[in-house]
Amino acid sequence: AVLPDYMVPSAYVLMEAFPLTPNGKLDRKALPAPDGDAYARQVFEAPQGEIEATIAAVWSELLGVETISRNDSFFALGGHSL
């Protein structure tokens, strides 16, 4: 309710401790990549029609997410503009 949508993390990864550099700073390169279960998801609604099914298949392969709902956001699932 306080943060704008673009500032809310799309994935949460539970960690026992953060990886640190020898200087004691956060080692960002050593952070694990979030898996498919780490992303916030809405209630699953299957893609409808041939076009939605094709887009869902491409997203699934590209992002490594098994199931894609018709209301999922490409960016919220880990996609980016590059």
N, C-alpha and C. Protein backbone atom coordinates (compact mmCIF):
# COMPACT_ATOMS: atom_id res chain seq x y z
N ALA A 1 0.82 -1.20 0.00
CA ALA A 1 0.00 0.00 0.00
C ALA A 1 0.86 1.26 0.00
N VAL A 2 2.14 1.12 0.39
CA VAL A 2 2.99 2.29 0.50
C VAL A 2 3.89 2.46 -0.73
N LEU A 3 4.38 1.35 -1.28
CA LEU A 3 5.29 1.42 -2.42
C LEU A 3 4.55 1.41 -3.75
N PRO A 4 5.05 2.13 -4.75
CA PRO A 4 4.48 2.02 -6.09
C PRO A 4 4.78 0.62 -6.65
N ASP A 5 3.98 0.16 -7.60
CA ASP A 5 4.12 -1.18 -8.15
C ASP A 5 5.52 -1.47 -8.66
N TYR A 6 6.17 -0.50 -9.29
CA TYR A 6 7.48 -0.76 -9.88
C TYR A 6 8.58 -0.96 -8.83
N MET A 7 8.31 -0.62 -7.57
CA MET A 7 9.30 -0.79 -6.51
C MET A 7 9.09 -2.06 -5.69
N VAL A 8 8.00 -2.76 -5.91
CA VAL A 8 7.73 -4.00 -5.19
C VAL A 8 8.50 -5.12 -5.87
N PRO A 9 9.31 -5.88 -5.13
CA PRO A 9 10.08 -6.96 -5.75
C PRO A 9 9.18 -7.99 -6.41
N SER A 10 9.61 -8.51 -7.55
CA SER A 10 8.81 -9.52 -8.25
C SER A 10 9.13 -10.92 -7.75
N ALA A 11 10.24 -11.08 -7.01
CA ALA A 11 10.61 -12.40 -6.49
C ALA A 11 11.22 -12.25 -5.11
N TYR A 12 10.99 -13.27 -4.29
CA TYR A 12 11.55 -13.31 -2.95
C TYR A 12 12.31 -14.62 -2.78
N VAL A 13 13.56 -14.52 -2.35
CA VAL A 13 14.39 -15.70 -2.13
C VAL A 13 14.80 -15.70 -0.66
N LEU A 14 14.43 -16.77 0.06
CA LEU A 14 14.80 -16.90 1.46
C LEU A 14 16.24 -17.36 1.56
N MET A 15 17.04 -16.63 2.33
CA MET A 15 18.46 -16.97 2.48
C MET A 15 18.81 -16.97 3.95
N GLU A 16 19.67 -17.90 4.35
CA GLU A 16 20.15 -17.94 5.74
C GLU A 16 21.11 -16.79 6.01
N ALA A 17 21.96 -16.48 5.03
CA ALA A 17 22.93 -15.39 5.17
C ALA A 17 23.26 -14.87 3.77
N PHE A 18 23.63 -13.60 3.70
CA PHE A 18 24.01 -13.01 2.42
C PHE A 18 25.48 -13.31 2.12
N PRO A 19 25.81 -13.56 0.85
CA PRO A 19 27.23 -13.75 0.50
C PRO A 19 27.96 -12.40 0.59
N LEU A 20 29.12 -12.43 1.20
CA LEU A 20 29.88 -11.20 1.40
C LEU A 20 31.22 -11.27 0.69
N THR A 21 31.72 -10.11 0.30
CA THR A 21 33.05 -10.00 -0.28
C THR A 21 34.07 -10.03 0.86
N PRO A 22 35.35 -10.14 0.55
CA PRO A 22 36.36 -10.10 1.63
C PRO A 22 36.32 -8.80 2.42
N ASN A 23 35.77 -7.73 1.82
CA ASN A 23 35.67 -6.45 2.52
C ASN A 23 34.42 -6.35 3.39
N GLY A 24 33.59 -7.39 3.38
CA GLY A 24 32.39 -7.39 4.21
C GLY A 24 31.17 -6.78 3.54
N LYS A 25 31.28 -6.46 2.25
CA LYS A 25 30.14 -5.90 1.52
C LYS A 25 29.37 -7.02 0.84
N LEU A 26 28.12 -6.73 0.46
CA LEU A 26 27.29 -7.71 -0.22
C LEU A 26 27.90 -8.08 -1.56
N ASP A 27 28.08 -9.38 -1.81
CA ASP A 27 28.61 -9.88 -3.07
C ASP A 27 27.43 -10.16 -4.00
N ARG A 28 27.06 -9.18 -4.79
CA ARG A 28 25.87 -9.29 -5.66
C ARG A 28 26.02 -10.38 -6.71
N LYS A 29 27.23 -10.62 -7.17
CA LYS A 29 27.46 -11.65 -8.19
C LYS A 29 27.25 -13.06 -7.64
N ALA A 30 27.37 -13.23 -6.34
CA ALA A 30 27.22 -14.55 -5.72
C ALA A 30 25.78 -14.81 -5.28
N LEU A 31 24.87 -13.85 -5.45
CA LEU A 31 23.48 -14.07 -5.06
C LEU A 31 22.85 -15.11 -5.99
N PRO A 32 22.04 -16.02 -5.45
CA PRO A 32 21.40 -17.04 -6.29
C PRO A 32 20.29 -16.43 -7.14
N ALA A 33 20.11 -16.98 -8.31
CA ALA A 33 19.00 -16.55 -9.18
C ALA A 33 17.71 -17.12 -8.62
N PRO A 34 16.63 -16.33 -8.62
CA PRO A 34 15.36 -16.85 -8.11
C PRO A 34 14.82 -17.96 -9.01
N ASP A 35 14.26 -18.99 -8.40
CA ASP A 35 13.64 -20.05 -9.20
C ASP A 35 12.17 -19.70 -9.45
N GLY A 36 11.47 -20.56 -10.14
CA GLY A 36 10.08 -20.28 -10.52
C GLY A 36 9.14 -20.09 -9.35
N ASP A 37 9.44 -20.71 -8.20
CA ASP A 37 8.57 -20.59 -7.03
C ASP A 37 8.76 -19.28 -6.29
N ALA A 38 9.82 -18.55 -6.59
CA ALA A 38 10.11 -17.32 -5.86
C ALA A 38 9.28 -16.13 -6.34
N TYR A 39 8.68 -16.25 -7.50
CA TYR A 39 7.93 -15.14 -8.07
C TYR A 39 6.51 -15.10 -7.54
N ALA A 40 6.03 -13.90 -7.27
CA ALA A 40 4.64 -13.72 -6.84
C ALA A 40 3.73 -14.04 -8.02
N ARG A 41 2.71 -14.82 -7.77
CA ARG A 41 1.83 -15.25 -8.85
C ARG A 41 0.39 -15.01 -8.47
N GLN A 42 -0.42 -14.80 -9.46
CA GLN A 42 -1.86 -14.69 -9.27
C GLN A 42 -2.47 -16.08 -9.42
N VAL A 43 -3.76 -16.16 -9.23
CA VAL A 43 -4.46 -17.43 -9.43
C VAL A 43 -4.30 -17.83 -10.89
N PHE A 44 -3.99 -19.11 -11.12
CA PHE A 44 -3.73 -19.57 -12.48
C PHE A 44 -5.00 -19.53 -13.32
N GLU A 45 -4.87 -18.96 -14.50
CA GLU A 45 -5.93 -18.95 -15.51
C GLU A 45 -5.27 -19.33 -16.83
N ALA A 46 -5.67 -20.44 -17.39
CA ALA A 46 -5.04 -20.97 -18.59
C ALA A 46 -5.17 -19.99 -19.77
N PRO A 47 -4.15 -19.95 -20.63
CA PRO A 47 -4.23 -19.12 -21.83
C PRO A 47 -5.41 -19.55 -22.70
N GLN A 48 -6.07 -18.58 -23.31
CA GLN A 48 -7.22 -18.87 -24.16
C GLN A 48 -6.89 -18.51 -25.59
N GLY A 49 -7.11 -19.44 -26.48
CA GLY A 49 -6.87 -19.19 -27.89
C GLY A 49 -5.46 -19.56 -28.30
N GLU A 50 -5.29 -19.63 -29.62
CA GLU A 50 -4.00 -20.05 -30.17
C GLU A 50 -2.89 -19.03 -29.92
N ILE A 51 -3.21 -17.75 -30.03
CA ILE A 51 -2.19 -16.71 -29.85
C ILE A 51 -1.68 -16.69 -28.41
N GLU A 52 -2.59 -16.72 -27.43
CA GLU A 52 -2.17 -16.73 -26.04
C GLU A 52 -1.37 -17.98 -25.70
N ALA A 53 -1.76 -19.12 -26.24
CA ALA A 53 -1.04 -20.37 -25.98
C ALA A 53 0.38 -20.30 -26.56
N THR A 54 0.52 -19.71 -27.75
CA THR A 54 1.84 -19.57 -28.37
C THR A 54 2.73 -18.63 -27.56
N ILE A 55 2.18 -17.50 -27.13
CA ILE A 55 2.94 -16.54 -26.32
C ILE A 55 3.36 -17.18 -25.00
N ALA A 56 2.44 -17.92 -24.37
CA ALA A 56 2.75 -18.60 -23.11
C ALA A 56 3.87 -19.62 -23.29
N ALA A 57 3.87 -20.33 -24.40
CA ALA A 57 4.92 -21.32 -24.67
C ALA A 57 6.27 -20.64 -24.85
N VAL A 58 6.30 -19.52 -25.55
CA VAL A 58 7.55 -18.78 -25.76
C VAL A 58 8.06 -18.24 -24.42
N TRP A 59 7.18 -17.64 -23.64
CA TRP A 59 7.57 -17.12 -22.32
C TRP A 59 8.10 -18.23 -21.43
N SER A 60 7.43 -19.37 -21.44
CA SER A 60 7.84 -20.50 -20.61
C SER A 60 9.25 -20.95 -20.95
N GLU A 61 9.54 -21.06 -22.23
CA GLU A 61 10.88 -21.47 -22.67
C GLU A 61 11.92 -20.39 -22.37
N LEU A 62 11.58 -19.15 -22.63
CA LEU A 62 12.52 -18.04 -22.46
C LEU A 62 12.84 -17.78 -20.99
N LEU A 63 11.81 -17.83 -20.13
CA LEU A 63 11.99 -17.47 -18.73
C LEU A 63 12.24 -18.66 -17.81
N GLY A 64 12.06 -19.88 -18.33
CA GLY A 64 12.26 -21.06 -17.51
C GLY A 64 11.17 -21.26 -16.47
N VAL A 65 9.97 -20.78 -16.76
CA VAL A 65 8.83 -20.94 -15.85
C VAL A 65 7.90 -21.98 -16.46
N GLU A 66 7.52 -22.98 -15.67
CA GLU A 66 6.73 -24.09 -16.22
C GLU A 66 5.33 -23.68 -16.67
N THR A 67 4.60 -22.99 -15.81
CA THR A 67 3.23 -22.62 -16.17
C THR A 67 3.09 -21.11 -16.24
N ILE A 68 2.47 -20.66 -17.30
CA ILE A 68 2.24 -19.24 -17.52
C ILE A 68 0.73 -19.01 -17.54
N SER A 69 0.27 -18.13 -16.67
CA SER A 69 -1.15 -17.78 -16.62
C SER A 69 -1.42 -16.66 -17.63
N ARG A 70 -2.64 -16.56 -18.06
CA ARG A 70 -2.95 -15.52 -19.05
C ARG A 70 -2.86 -14.12 -18.45
N ASN A 71 -2.84 -13.99 -17.13
CA ASN A 71 -2.75 -12.67 -16.49
C ASN A 71 -1.35 -12.36 -15.98
N ASP A 72 -0.37 -13.25 -16.20
CA ASP A 72 1.00 -13.01 -15.74
C ASP A 72 1.64 -11.89 -16.54
N SER A 73 2.53 -11.17 -15.87
CA SER A 73 3.29 -10.09 -16.50
C SER A 73 4.66 -10.61 -16.88
N PHE A 74 5.10 -10.36 -18.11
CA PHE A 74 6.42 -10.78 -18.57
C PHE A 74 7.51 -10.26 -17.66
N PHE A 75 7.41 -9.01 -17.26
CA PHE A 75 8.43 -8.39 -16.42
C PHE A 75 8.37 -8.92 -15.00
N ALA A 76 7.19 -9.19 -14.47
CA ALA A 76 7.05 -9.73 -13.12
C ALA A 76 7.60 -11.15 -13.04
N LEU A 77 7.60 -11.87 -14.15
CA LEU A 77 8.13 -13.24 -14.17
C LEU A 77 9.65 -13.28 -14.34
N GLY A 78 10.27 -12.12 -14.50
CA GLY A 78 11.73 -12.07 -14.61
C GLY A 78 12.22 -11.63 -15.97
N GLY A 79 11.34 -11.32 -16.89
CA GLY A 79 11.75 -10.84 -18.21
C GLY A 79 12.23 -9.40 -18.15
N HIS A 80 12.98 -8.99 -19.15
CA HIS A 80 13.45 -7.61 -19.23
C HIS A 80 13.52 -7.19 -20.70
N SER A 81 13.76 -5.92 -20.94
CA SER A 81 13.69 -5.37 -22.29
C SER A 81 14.92 -5.68 -23.13
N LEU A 82 15.98 -6.22 -22.53
CA LEU A 82 17.17 -6.54 -23.30
C LEU A 82 16.99 -7.87 -23.97
